[in-house]
Amino acid sequence: MADWRSDTIGRIRDLIRAADPGAVEEMKWKKPSNPAGVPTWSHSGVICTGETYKDKIKLTFAKGASLPDPSRLFNSSLDGGTRRAIDLREGESVDEGAFKELIRAAVAVNVTSK
């Protein structure tokens, strides 16, 4: 994909690296309908995934329900007991400072639970 979605994933990738230089990115869950797989960032466990859809990027935080979200970045999967997600559509951006804090909080939860 060479459109707004790749640009958005690129910005998210940069924010994750800035928030946690120790985060590891892997491509997981490869299948015929998505041969490249899903970018997945981890540090002592999964931090989040970046799924691309036709109309959005979905950033799903594995333990999102356990994370503080004072800036209310989570706008999807709010009813789940474990995960939370941020949906970004074309032209939308995320509050970079709040997103980096969310990444750091996710890493802290992973490290603490190990």
PDB file of N, CA and C in Angstrom:
ATOM      1  N   MET A   1       0.851  -1.165   0.000  1.00  0.00           N
ATOM      2  CA  MET A   1       0.000   0.000   0.000  1.00  0.00           C
ATOM      3  C   MET A   1       0.897   1.228   0.000  1.00  0.00           C
ATOM      4  N   ALA A   2       0.679   2.068  -0.947  1.00  0.00           N
ATOM      5  CA  ALA A   2       1.474   3.286  -1.082  1.00  0.00           C
ATOM      6  C   ALA A   2       0.531   4.478  -1.097  1.00  0.00           C
ATOM      7  N   ASP A   3      -0.122   4.699   0.026  1.00  0.00           N
ATOM      8  CA  ASP A   3      -1.061   5.800   0.122  1.00  0.00           C
ATOM      9  C   ASP A   3      -1.031   6.352   1.541  1.00  0.00           C
ATOM     10  N   TRP A   4      -2.081   7.014   1.945  1.00  0.00           N
ATOM     11  CA  TRP A   4      -2.125   7.644   3.263  1.00  0.00           C
ATOM     12  C   TRP A   4      -1.916   6.644   4.388  1.00  0.00           C
ATOM     13  N   ARG A   5      -2.311   5.385   4.156  1.00  0.00           N
ATOM     14  CA  ARG A   5      -2.165   4.376   5.212  1.00  0.00           C
ATOM     15  C   ARG A   5      -0.698   4.081   5.500  1.00  0.00           C
ATOM     16  N   SER A   6       0.122   3.969   4.467  1.00  0.00           N
ATOM     17  CA  SER A   6       1.547   3.717   4.705  1.00  0.00           C
ATOM     18  C   SER A   6       2.199   4.922   5.372  1.00  0.00           C
ATOM     19  N   ASP A   7       1.777   6.137   4.991  1.00  0.00           N
ATOM     20  CA  ASP A   7       2.300   7.336   5.654  1.00  0.00           C
ATOM     21  C   ASP A   7       1.922   7.349   7.132  1.00  0.00           C
ATOM     22  N   THR A   8       0.678   6.981   7.426  1.00  0.00           N
ATOM     23  CA  THR A   8       0.206   6.974   8.812  1.00  0.00           C
ATOM     24  C   THR A   8       0.950   5.918   9.630  1.00  0.00           C
ATOM     25  N   ILE A   9       1.100   4.725   9.092  1.00  0.00           N
ATOM     26  CA  ILE A   9       1.850   3.680   9.813  1.00  0.00           C
ATOM     27  C   ILE A   9       3.289   4.133  10.032  1.00  0.00           C
ATOM     28  N   GLY A  10       3.867   4.819   9.049  1.00  0.00           N
ATOM     29  CA  GLY A  10       5.227   5.340   9.202  1.00  0.00           C
ATOM     30  C   GLY A  10       5.335   6.330  10.349  1.00  0.00           C
ATOM     31  N   ARG A  11       4.360   7.230  10.464  1.00  0.00           N
ATOM     32  CA  ARG A  11       4.365   8.192  11.579  1.00  0.00           C
ATOM     33  C   ARG A  11       4.191   7.475  12.912  1.00  0.00           C
ATOM     34  N   ILE A  12       3.305   6.488  12.950  1.00  0.00           N
ATOM     35  CA  ILE A  12       3.089   5.720  14.186  1.00  0.00           C
ATOM     36  C   ILE A  12       4.373   4.988  14.570  1.00  0.00           C
ATOM     37  N   ARG A  13       5.021   4.384  13.596  1.00  0.00           N
ATOM     38  CA  ARG A  13       6.288   3.680  13.823  1.00  0.00           C
ATOM     39  C   ARG A  13       7.307   4.629  14.463  1.00  0.00           C
ATOM     40  N   ASP A  14       7.433   5.833  13.917  1.00  0.00           N
ATOM     41  CA  ASP A  14       8.374   6.820  14.458  1.00  0.00           C
ATOM     42  C   ASP A  14       8.020   7.201  15.891  1.00  0.00           C
ATOM     43  N   LEU A  15       6.735   7.375  16.172  1.00  0.00           N
ATOM     44  CA  LEU A  15       6.308   7.723  17.532  1.00  0.00           C
ATOM     45  C   LEU A  15       6.609   6.597  18.514  1.00  0.00           C
ATOM     46  N   ILE A  16       6.385   5.363  18.092  1.00  0.00           N
ATOM     47  CA  ILE A  16       6.661   4.225  18.976  1.00  0.00           C
ATOM     48  C   ILE A  16       8.154   4.145  19.267  1.00  0.00           C
ATOM     49  N   ARG A  17       8.979   4.299  18.244  1.00  0.00           N
ATOM     50  CA  ARG A  17      10.440   4.276  18.443  1.00  0.00           C
ATOM     51  C   ARG A  17      10.888   5.410  19.358  1.00  0.00           C
ATOM     52  N   ALA A  18      10.294   6.576  19.216  1.00  0.00           N
ATOM     53  CA  ALA A  18      10.661   7.705  20.066  1.00  0.00           C
ATOM     54  C   ALA A  18      10.251   7.453  21.521  1.00  0.00           C
ATOM     55  N   ALA A  19       9.082   6.859  21.712  1.00  0.00           N
ATOM     56  CA  ALA A  19       8.579   6.596  23.058  1.00  0.00           C
ATOM     57  C   ALA A  19       9.327   5.458  23.738  1.00  0.00           C
ATOM     58  N   ASP A  20       9.707   4.445  22.949  1.00  0.00           N
ATOM     59  CA  ASP A  20      10.390   3.274  23.510  1.00  0.00           C
ATOM     60  C   ASP A  20      11.385   2.726  22.497  1.00  0.00           C
ATOM     61  N   PRO A  21      12.636   3.198  22.558  1.00  0.00           N
ATOM     62  CA  PRO A  21      13.653   2.708  21.622  1.00  0.00           C
ATOM     63  C   PRO A  21      13.881   1.192  21.714  1.00  0.00           C
ATOM     64  N   GLY A  22      13.453   0.574  22.804  1.00  0.00           N
ATOM     65  CA  GLY A  22      13.608  -0.865  22.966  1.00  0.00           C
ATOM     66  C   GLY A  22      12.491  -1.688  22.351  1.00  0.00           C
ATOM     67  N   ALA A  23      11.498  -1.036  21.791  1.00  0.00           N
ATOM     68  CA  ALA A  23      10.382  -1.755  21.170  1.00  0.00           C
ATOM     69  C   ALA A  23      10.873  -2.485  19.921  1.00  0.00           C
ATOM     70  N   VAL A  24      10.346  -3.682  19.733  1.00  0.00           N
ATOM     71  CA  VAL A  24      10.694  -4.508  18.570  1.00  0.00           C
ATOM     72  C   VAL A  24       9.474  -4.559  17.661  1.00  0.00           C
ATOM     73  N   GLU A  25       9.702  -4.346  16.360  1.00  0.00           N
ATOM     74  CA  GLU A  25       8.619  -4.446  15.391  1.00  0.00           C
ATOM     75  C   GLU A  25       8.778  -5.722  14.590  1.00  0.00           C
ATOM     76  N   GLU A  26       7.693  -6.470  14.475  1.00  0.00           N
ATOM     77  CA  GLU A  26       7.659  -7.682  13.662  1.00  0.00           C
ATOM     78  C   GLU A  26       6.400  -7.654  12.810  1.00  0.00           C
ATOM     79  N   MET A  27       6.453  -8.369  11.705  1.00  0.00           N
ATOM     80  CA  MET A  27       5.265  -8.545  10.880  1.00  0.00           C
ATOM     81  C   MET A  27       4.682  -9.916  11.236  1.00  0.00           C
ATOM     82  N   LYS A  28       3.467  -9.935  11.733  1.00  0.00           N
ATOM     83  CA  LYS A  28       2.832 -11.181  12.172  1.00  0.00           C
ATOM     84  C   LYS A  28       1.518 -11.397  11.426  1.00  0.00           C
ATOM     85  N   TRP A  29       1.002 -12.583  11.565  1.00  0.00           N
ATOM     86  CA  TRP A  29      -0.302 -12.968  11.035  1.00  0.00           C
ATOM     87  C   TRP A  29      -0.390 -12.771   9.518  1.00  0.00           C
ATOM     88  N   LYS A  30       0.619 -13.265   8.810  1.00  0.00           N
ATOM     89  CA  LYS A  30       0.605 -13.217   7.351  1.00  0.00           C
ATOM     90  C   LYS A  30      -0.393 -14.243   6.832  1.00  0.00           C
ATOM     91  N   LYS A  31      -1.153 -13.857   5.801  1.00  0.00           N
ATOM     92  CA  LYS A  31      -2.138 -14.745   5.197  1.00  0.00           C
ATOM     93  C   LYS A  31      -2.374 -14.287   3.761  1.00  0.00           C
ATOM     94  N   PRO A  32      -3.020 -15.104   2.947  1.00  0.00           N
ATOM     95  CA  PRO A  32      -3.212 -14.727   1.539  1.00  0.00           C
ATOM     96  C   PRO A  32      -3.861 -13.348   1.344  1.00  0.00           C
ATOM     97  N   SER A  33      -4.806 -13.008   2.186  1.00  0.00           N
ATOM     98  CA  SER A  33      -5.468 -11.712   2.045  1.00  0.00           C
ATOM     99  C   SER A  33      -4.614 -10.552   2.562  1.00  0.00           C
ATOM    100  N   ASN A  34      -3.547 -10.871   3.303  1.00  0.00           N
ATOM    101  CA  ASN A  34      -2.637  -9.850   3.824  1.00  0.00           C
ATOM    102  C   ASN A  34      -1.230 -10.439   3.861  1.00  0.00           C
ATOM    103  N   PRO A  35      -0.603 -10.617   2.690  1.00  0.00           N
ATOM    104  CA  PRO A  35       0.686 -11.309   2.634  1.00  0.00           C
ATOM    105  C   PRO A  35       1.815 -10.605   3.368  1.00  0.00           C
ATOM    106  N   ALA A  36       1.725  -9.306   3.551  1.00  0.00           N
ATOM    107  CA  ALA A  36       2.774  -8.587   4.278  1.00  0.00           C
ATOM    108  C   ALA A  36       2.654  -8.804   5.781  1.00  0.00           C
ATOM    109  N   GLY A  37       1.473  -9.125   6.255  1.00  0.00           N
ATOM    110  CA  GLY A  37       1.251  -9.306   7.682  1.00  0.00           C
ATOM    111  C   GLY A  37       0.868  -8.002   8.371  1.00  0.00           C
ATOM    112  N   VAL A  38       0.804  -8.059   9.682  1.00  0.00           N
ATOM    113  CA  VAL A  38       0.390  -6.927  10.509  1.00  0.00           C
ATOM    114  C   VAL A  38       1.585  -6.455  11.331  1.00  0.00           C
ATOM    115  N   PRO A  39       1.951  -5.167  11.239  1.00  0.00           N
ATOM    116  CA  PRO A  39       3.021  -4.681  12.097  1.00  0.00           C
ATOM    117  C   PRO A  39       2.612  -4.822  13.562  1.00  0.00           C
ATOM    118  N   THR A  40       3.508  -5.419  14.325  1.00  0.00           N
ATOM    119  CA  THR A  40       3.247  -5.685  15.735  1.00  0.00           C
ATOM    120  C   THR A  40       4.457  -5.212  16.533  1.00  0.00           C
ATOM    121  N   TRP A  41       4.213  -4.348  17.504  1.00  0.00           N
ATOM    122  CA  TRP A  41       5.296  -3.813  18.328  1.00  0.00           C
ATOM    123  C   TRP A  41       5.238  -4.447  19.707  1.00  0.00           C
ATOM    124  N   SER A  42       6.420  -4.869  20.186  1.00  0.00           N
ATOM    125  CA  SER A  42       6.496  -5.573  21.465  1.00  0.00           C
ATOM    126  C   SER A  42       7.638  -5.041  22.322  1.00  0.00           C
ATOM    127  N   HIS A  43       7.466  -5.188  23.600  1.00  0.00           N
ATOM    128  CA  HIS A  43       8.504  -4.964  24.600  1.00  0.00           C
ATOM    129  C   HIS A  43       8.013  -5.675  25.851  1.00  0.00           C
ATOM    130  N   SER A  44       8.614  -6.817  26.147  1.00  0.00           N
ATOM    131  CA  SER A  44       8.166  -7.672  27.258  1.00  0.00           C
ATOM    132  C   SER A  44       6.718  -8.104  27.076  1.00  0.00           C
ATOM    133  N   GLY A  45       6.281  -8.217  25.848  1.00  0.00           N
ATOM    134  CA  GLY A  45       4.908  -8.558  25.480  1.00  0.00           C
ATOM    135  C   GLY A  45       4.435  -7.595  24.412  1.00  0.00           C
ATOM    136  N   VAL A  46       3.307  -7.888  23.823  1.00  0.00           N
ATOM    137  CA  VAL A  46       2.784  -7.050  22.747  1.00  0.00           C
ATOM    138  C   VAL A  46       2.354  -5.697  23.306  1.00  0.00           C
ATOM    139  N   ILE A  47       2.804  -4.637  22.630  1.00  0.00           N
ATOM    140  CA  ILE A  47       2.358  -3.279  22.946  1.00  0.00           C
ATOM    141  C   ILE A  47       1.099  -3.001  22.136  1.00  0.00           C
ATOM    142  N   CYS A  48       1.244  -3.051  20.804  1.00  0.00           N
ATOM    143  CA  CYS A  48       0.091  -2.805  19.943  1.00  0.00           C
ATOM    144  C   CYS A  48       0.349  -3.347  18.545  1.00  0.00           C
ATOM    145  N   THR A  49      -0.720  -3.432  17.784  1.00  0.00           N
ATOM    146  CA  THR A  49      -0.653  -3.839  16.385  1.00  0.00           C
ATOM    147  C   THR A  49      -1.185  -2.690  15.536  1.00  0.00           C
ATOM    148  N   GLY A  50      -0.807  -2.693  14.261  1.00  0.00           N
ATOM    149  CA  GLY A  50      -1.258  -1.649  13.346  1.00  0.00           C
ATOM    150  C   GLY A  50      -1.908  -2.253  12.115  1.00  0.00           C
ATOM    151  N   GLU A  51      -3.170  -2.573  12.217  1.00  0.00           N
ATOM    152  CA  GLU A  51      -3.888  -3.190  11.098  1.00  0.00           C
ATOM    153  C   GLU A  51      -4.365  -2.110  10.127  1.00  0.00           C
ATOM    154  N   THR A  52      -4.234  -2.413   8.843  1.00  0.00           N
ATOM    155  CA  THR A  52      -4.703  -1.479   7.828  1.00  0.00           C
ATOM    156  C   THR A  52      -5.974  -2.017   7.176  1.00  0.00           C
ATOM    157  N   TYR A  53      -6.929  -1.149   7.047  1.00  0.00           N
ATOM    158  CA  TYR A  53      -8.188  -1.435   6.381  1.00  0.00           C
ATOM    159  C   TYR A  53      -8.359  -0.414   5.258  1.00  0.00           C
ATOM    160  N   LYS A  54      -9.347  -0.614   4.433  1.00  0.00           N
ATOM    161  CA  LYS A  54      -9.581   0.290   3.310  1.00  0.00           C
ATOM    162  C   LYS A  54      -9.782   1.731   3.784  1.00  0.00           C
ATOM    163  N   ASP A  55     -10.522   1.893   4.881  1.00  0.00           N
ATOM    164  CA  ASP A  55     -10.891   3.237   5.327  1.00  0.00           C
ATOM    165  C   ASP A  55     -10.237   3.695   6.621  1.00  0.00           C
ATOM    166  N   LYS A  56      -9.349   2.868   7.212  1.00  0.00           N
ATOM    167  CA  LYS A  56      -8.752   3.274   8.489  1.00  0.00           C
ATOM    168  C   LYS A  56      -7.508   2.454   8.814  1.00  0.00           C
ATOM    169  N   ILE A  57      -6.779   2.941   9.785  1.00  0.00           N
ATOM    170  CA  ILE A  57      -5.705   2.217  10.456  1.00  0.00           C
ATOM    171  C   ILE A  57      -6.238   1.935  11.854  1.00  0.00           C
ATOM    172  N   LYS A  58      -6.134   0.702  12.308  1.00  0.00           N
ATOM    173  CA  LYS A  58      -6.584   0.343  13.656  1.00  0.00           C
ATOM    174  C   LYS A  58      -5.359  -0.024  14.482  1.00  0.00           C
ATOM    175  N   LEU A  59      -5.096   0.769  15.517  1.00  0.00           N
ATOM    176  CA  LEU A  59      -3.995   0.506  16.439  1.00  0.00           C
ATOM    177  C   LEU A  59      -4.598  -0.145  17.677  1.00  0.00           C
ATOM    178  N   THR A  60      -4.391  -1.450  17.804  1.00  0.00           N
ATOM    179  CA  THR A  60      -4.991  -2.198  18.903  1.00  0.00           C
ATOM    180  C   THR A  60      -3.946  -2.456  19.975  1.00  0.00           C
ATOM    181  N   PHE A  61      -4.227  -1.992  21.174  1.00  0.00           N
ATOM    182  CA  PHE A  61      -3.341  -2.171  22.319  1.00  0.00           C
ATOM    183  C   PHE A  61      -3.775  -3.428  23.062  1.00  0.00           C
ATOM    184  N   ALA A  62      -2.841  -4.378  23.174  1.00  0.00           N
ATOM    185  CA  ALA A  62      -3.146  -5.694  23.729  1.00  0.00           C
ATOM    186  C   ALA A  62      -3.740  -5.614  25.135  1.00  0.00           C
ATOM    187  N   LYS A  63      -3.239  -4.703  25.944  1.00  0.00           N
ATOM    188  CA  LYS A  63      -3.726  -4.554  27.321  1.00  0.00           C
ATOM    189  C   LYS A  63      -4.303  -3.159  27.528  1.00  0.00           C
ATOM    190  N   GLY A  64      -4.938  -2.645  26.504  1.00  0.00           N
ATOM    191  CA  GLY A  64      -5.442  -1.279  26.524  1.00  0.00           C
ATOM    192  C   GLY A  64      -6.412  -0.969  27.645  1.00  0.00           C
ATOM    193  N   ALA A  65      -7.210  -1.935  28.055  1.00  0.00           N
ATOM    194  CA  ALA A  65      -8.176  -1.691  29.134  1.00  0.00           C
ATOM    195  C   ALA A  65      -7.478  -1.415  30.456  1.00  0.00           C
ATOM    196  N   SER A  66      -6.202  -1.799  30.566  1.00  0.00           N
ATOM    197  CA  SER A  66      -5.429  -1.580  31.793  1.00  0.00           C
ATOM    198  C   SER A  66      -4.658  -0.269  31.781  1.00  0.00           C
ATOM    199  N   LEU A  67      -4.753   0.477  30.690  1.00  0.00           N
ATOM    200  CA  LEU A  67      -3.933   1.678  30.534  1.00  0.00           C
ATOM    201  C   LEU A  67      -4.711   2.945  30.841  1.00  0.00           C
ATOM    202  N   PRO A  68      -4.036   3.898  31.497  1.00  0.00           N
ATOM    203  CA  PRO A  68      -4.674   5.201  31.665  1.00  0.00           C
ATOM    204  C   PRO A  68      -4.749   5.896  30.307  1.00  0.00           C
ATOM    205  N   ASP A  69      -5.851   6.571  30.044  1.00  0.00           N
ATOM    206  CA  ASP A  69      -6.036   7.268  28.772  1.00  0.00           C
ATOM    207  C   ASP A  69      -6.684   8.625  29.028  1.00  0.00           C
ATOM    208  N   PRO A  70      -5.970   9.491  29.752  1.00  0.00           N
ATOM    209  CA  PRO A  70      -6.583  10.782  30.100  1.00  0.00           C
ATOM    210  C   PRO A  70      -6.893  11.648  28.881  1.00  0.00           C
ATOM    211  N   SER A  71      -6.188  11.455  27.791  1.00  0.00           N
ATOM    212  CA  SER A  71      -6.443  12.239  26.577  1.00  0.00           C
ATOM    213  C   SER A  71      -7.528  11.615  25.702  1.00  0.00           C
ATOM    214  N   ARG A  72      -8.045  10.484  26.118  1.00  0.00           N
ATOM    215  CA  ARG A  72      -9.130   9.775  25.430  1.00  0.00           C
ATOM    216  C   ARG A  72      -8.788   9.467  23.972  1.00  0.00           C
ATOM    217  N   LEU A  73      -7.589   8.886  23.793  1.00  0.00           N
ATOM    218  CA  LEU A  73      -7.177   8.479  22.458  1.00  0.00           C
ATOM    219  C   LEU A  73      -7.951   7.258  21.978  1.00  0.00           C
ATOM    220  N   PHE A  74      -8.266   6.353  22.897  1.00  0.00           N
ATOM    221  CA  PHE A  74      -8.997   5.155  22.504  1.00  0.00           C
ATOM    222  C   PHE A  74     -10.393   5.544  22.023  1.00  0.00           C
ATOM    223  N   ASN A  75     -10.727   5.095  20.814  1.00  0.00           N
ATOM    224  CA  ASN A  75     -12.036   5.421  20.257  1.00  0.00           C
ATOM    225  C   ASN A  75     -12.709   4.204  19.617  1.00  0.00           C
ATOM    226  N   SER A  76     -12.154   3.015  19.894  1.00  0.00           N
ATOM    227  CA  SER A  76     -12.686   1.792  19.312  1.00  0.00           C
ATOM    228  C   SER A  76     -12.423   0.624  20.259  1.00  0.00           C
ATOM    229  N   SER A  77     -13.242  -0.414  20.144  1.00  0.00           N
ATOM    230  CA  SER A  77     -13.107  -1.607  20.995  1.00  0.00           C
ATOM    231  C   SER A  77     -13.200  -1.241  22.475  1.00  0.00           C
ATOM    232  N   LEU A  78     -14.055  -0.308  22.784  1.00  0.00           N
ATOM    233  CA  LEU A  78     -14.152   0.199  24.154  1.00  0.00           C
ATOM    234  C   LEU A  78     -14.908  -0.733  25.095  1.00  0.00           C
ATOM    235  N   ASP A  79     -15.633  -1.694  24.553  1.00  0.00           N
ATOM    236  CA  ASP A  79     -16.420  -2.585  25.391  1.00  0.00           C
ATOM    237  C   ASP A  79     -15.663  -3.838  25.806  1.00  0.00           C
ATOM    238  N   GLY A  80     -14.499  -4.069  25.225  1.00  0.00           N
ATOM    239  CA  GLY A  80     -13.725  -5.260  25.540  1.00  0.00           C
ATOM    240  C   GLY A  80     -13.114  -5.191  26.923  1.00  0.00           C
ATOM    241  N   GLY A  81     -12.887  -6.341  27.495  1.00  0.00           N
ATOM    242  CA  GLY A  81     -12.316  -6.399  28.837  1.00  0.00           C
ATOM    243  C   GLY A  81     -10.806  -6.295  28.868  1.00  0.00           C
ATOM    244  N   THR A  82     -10.152  -6.437  27.725  1.00  0.00           N
ATOM    245  CA  THR A  82      -8.694  -6.441  27.692  1.00  0.00           C
ATOM    246  C   THR A  82      -8.131  -5.407  26.725  1.00  0.00           C
ATOM    247  N   ARG A  83      -8.574  -5.458  25.477  1.00  0.00           N
ATOM    248  CA  ARG A  83      -8.004  -4.602  24.429  1.00  0.00           C
ATOM    249  C   ARG A  83      -8.762  -3.287  24.300  1.00  0.00           C
ATOM    250  N   ARG A  84      -8.027  -2.311  23.752  1.00  0.00           N
ATOM    251  CA  ARG A  84      -8.615  -1.037  23.330  1.00  0.00           C
ATOM    252  C   ARG A  84      -7.919  -0.656  22.034  1.00  0.00           C
ATOM    253  N   ALA A  85      -8.574   0.167  21.223  1.00  0.00           N
ATOM    254  CA  ALA A  85      -7.984   0.530  19.939  1.00  0.00           C
ATOM    255  C   ALA A  85      -8.175   2.005  19.632  1.00  0.00           C
ATOM    256  N   ILE A  86      -7.327   2.464  18.726  1.00  0.00           N
ATOM    257  CA  ILE A  86      -7.421   3.809  18.168  1.00  0.00           C
ATOM    258  C   ILE A  86      -7.614   3.640  16.673  1.00  0.00           C
ATOM    259  N   ASP A  87      -8.718   4.132  16.145  1.00  0.00           N
ATOM    260  CA  ASP A  87      -8.964   4.117  14.704  1.00  0.00           C
ATOM    261  C   ASP A  87      -8.575   5.477  14.148  1.00  0.00           C
ATOM    262  N   LEU A  88      -7.750   5.469  13.116  1.00  0.00           N
ATOM    263  CA  LEU A  88      -7.351   6.695  12.422  1.00  0.00           C
ATOM    264  C   LEU A  88      -7.787   6.598  10.976  1.00  0.00           C
ATOM    265  N   ARG A  89      -8.491   7.591  10.514  1.00  0.00           N
ATOM    266  CA  ARG A  89      -8.947   7.647   9.121  1.00  0.00           C
ATOM    267  C   ARG A  89      -8.115   8.666   8.352  1.00  0.00           C
ATOM    268  N   GLU A  90      -8.239   8.634   7.051  1.00  0.00           N
ATOM    269  CA  GLU A  90      -7.467   9.536   6.204  1.00  0.00           C
ATOM    270  C   GLU A  90      -7.635  10.980   6.667  1.00  0.00           C
ATOM    271  N   GLY A  91      -6.509  11.665   6.825  1.00  0.00           N
ATOM    272  CA  GLY A  91      -6.523  13.059   7.248  1.00  0.00           C
ATOM    273  C   GLY A  91      -6.494  13.258   8.748  1.00  0.00           C
ATOM    274  N   GLU A  92      -6.710  12.198   9.513  1.00  0.00           N
ATOM    275  CA  GLU A  92      -6.684  12.313  10.970  1.00  0.00           C
ATOM    276  C   GLU A  92      -5.265  12.088  11.484  1.00  0.00           C
ATOM    277  N   SER A  93      -5.013  12.667  12.641  1.00  0.00           N
ATOM    278  CA  SER A  93      -3.722  12.447  13.298  1.00  0.00           C
ATOM    279  C   SER A  93      -3.980  12.139  14.765  1.00  0.00           C
ATOM    280  N   VAL A  94      -2.938  11.722  15.431  1.00  0.00           N
ATOM    281  CA  VAL A  94      -3.040  11.384  16.841  1.00  0.00           C
ATOM    282  C   VAL A  94      -2.229  12.420  17.626  1.00  0.00           C
ATOM    283  N   ASP A  95      -2.663  12.733  18.821  1.00  0.00           N
ATOM    284  CA  ASP A  95      -1.903  13.615  19.710  1.00  0.00           C
ATOM    285  C   ASP A  95      -0.586  12.900  20.033  1.00  0.00           C
ATOM    286  N   GLU A  96       0.515  13.405  19.496  1.00  0.00           N
ATOM    287  CA  GLU A  96       1.789  12.696  19.580  1.00  0.00           C
ATOM    288  C   GLU A  96       2.270  12.516  21.008  1.00  0.00           C
ATOM    289  N   GLY A  97       2.166  13.536  21.836  1.00  0.00           N
ATOM    290  CA  GLY A  97       2.603  13.419  23.226  1.00  0.00           C
ATOM    291  C   GLY A  97       1.774  12.397  23.993  1.00  0.00           C
ATOM    292  N   ALA A  98       0.471  12.456  23.829  1.00  0.00           N
ATOM    293  CA  ALA A  98      -0.416  11.512  24.518  1.00  0.00           C
ATOM    294  C   ALA A  98      -0.183  10.088  24.011  1.00  0.00           C
ATOM    295  N   PHE A  99       0.072   9.944  22.705  1.00  0.00           N
ATOM    296  CA  PHE A  99       0.310   8.609  22.155  1.00  0.00           C
ATOM    297  C   PHE A  99       1.600   8.018  22.726  1.00  0.00           C
ATOM    298  N   LYS A 100       2.648   8.820  22.811  1.00  0.00           N
ATOM    299  CA  LYS A 100       3.904   8.317  23.374  1.00  0.00           C
ATOM    300  C   LYS A 100       3.730   7.919  24.841  1.00  0.00           C
ATOM    301  N   GLU A 101       2.933   8.690  25.583  1.00  0.00           N
ATOM    302  CA  GLU A 101       2.649   8.312  26.977  1.00  0.00           C
ATOM    303  C   GLU A 101       1.898   6.988  27.043  1.00  0.00           C
ATOM    304  N   LEU A 102       0.977   6.769  26.114  1.00  0.00           N
ATOM    305  CA  LEU A 102       0.234   5.516  26.050  1.00  0.00           C
ATOM    306  C   LEU A 102       1.181   4.346  25.762  1.00  0.00           C
ATOM    307  N   ILE A 103       2.121   4.545  24.856  1.00  0.00           N
ATOM    308  CA  ILE A 103       3.123   3.506  24.564  1.00  0.00           C
ATOM    309  C   ILE A 103       3.939   3.202  25.812  1.00  0.00           C
ATOM    310  N   ARG A 104       4.406   4.224  26.489  1.00  0.00           N
ATOM    311  CA  ARG A 104       5.213   4.013  27.707  1.00  0.00           C
ATOM    312  C   ARG A 104       4.405   3.293  28.784  1.00  0.00           C
ATOM    313  N   ALA A 105       3.137   3.639  28.915  1.00  0.00           N
ATOM    314  CA  ALA A 105       2.274   2.971  29.896  1.00  0.00           C
ATOM    315  C   ALA A 105       2.078   1.497  29.526  1.00  0.00           C
ATOM    316  N   ALA A 106       1.931   1.209  28.231  1.00  0.00           N
ATOM    317  CA  ALA A 106       1.760  -0.183  27.791  1.00  0.00           C
ATOM    318  C   ALA A 106       3.021  -0.990  28.082  1.00  0.00           C
ATOM    319  N   VAL A 107       4.179  -0.400  27.864  1.00  0.00           N
ATOM    320  CA  VAL A 107       5.438  -1.094  28.166  1.00  0.00           C
ATOM    321  C   VAL A 107       5.541  -1.331  29.681  1.00  0.00           C
ATOM    322  N   ALA A 108       5.188  -0.335  30.476  1.00  0.00           N
ATOM    323  CA  ALA A 108       5.246  -0.488  31.932  1.00  0.00           C
ATOM    324  C   ALA A 108       4.341  -1.619  32.406  1.00  0.00           C
ATOM    325  N   VAL A 109       3.147  -1.725  31.842  1.00  0.00           N
ATOM    326  CA  VAL A 109       2.235  -2.818  32.218  1.00  0.00           C
ATOM    327  C   VAL A 109       2.854  -4.156  31.830  1.00  0.00           C
ATOM    328  N   ASN A 110       3.445  -4.243  30.645  1.00  0.00           N
ATOM    329  CA  ASN A 110       4.080  -5.491  30.213  1.00  0.00           C
ATOM    330  C   ASN A 110       5.234  -5.880  31.130  1.00  0.00           C
ATOM    331  N   VAL A 111       6.089  -4.922  31.437  1.00  0.00           N
ATOM    332  CA  VAL A 111       7.262  -5.205  32.276  1.00  0.00           C
ATOM    333  C   VAL A 111       6.832  -5.611  33.676  1.00  0.00           C
ATOM    334  N   THR A 112       5.834  -4.920  34.223  1.00  0.00           N
ATOM    335  CA  THR A 112       5.355  -5.226  35.566  1.00  0.00           C
ATOM    336  C   THR A 112       4.717  -6.598  35.645  1.00  0.00           C
ATOM    337  N   SER A 113       4.045  -7.013  34.589  1.00  0.00           N
ATOM    338  CA  SER A 113       3.342  -8.299  34.621  1.00  0.00           C
ATOM    339  C   SER A 113       4.273  -9.480  34.355  1.00  0.00           C
ATOM    340  N   LYS A 114       5.503  -9.235  33.994  1.00  0.00           N
ATOM    341  CA  LYS A 114       6.461 -10.328  33.728  1.00  0.00           C
ATOM    342  C   LYS A 114       7.039 -10.883  34.998  1.00  0.00           C
TER     343      LYS A 114
END
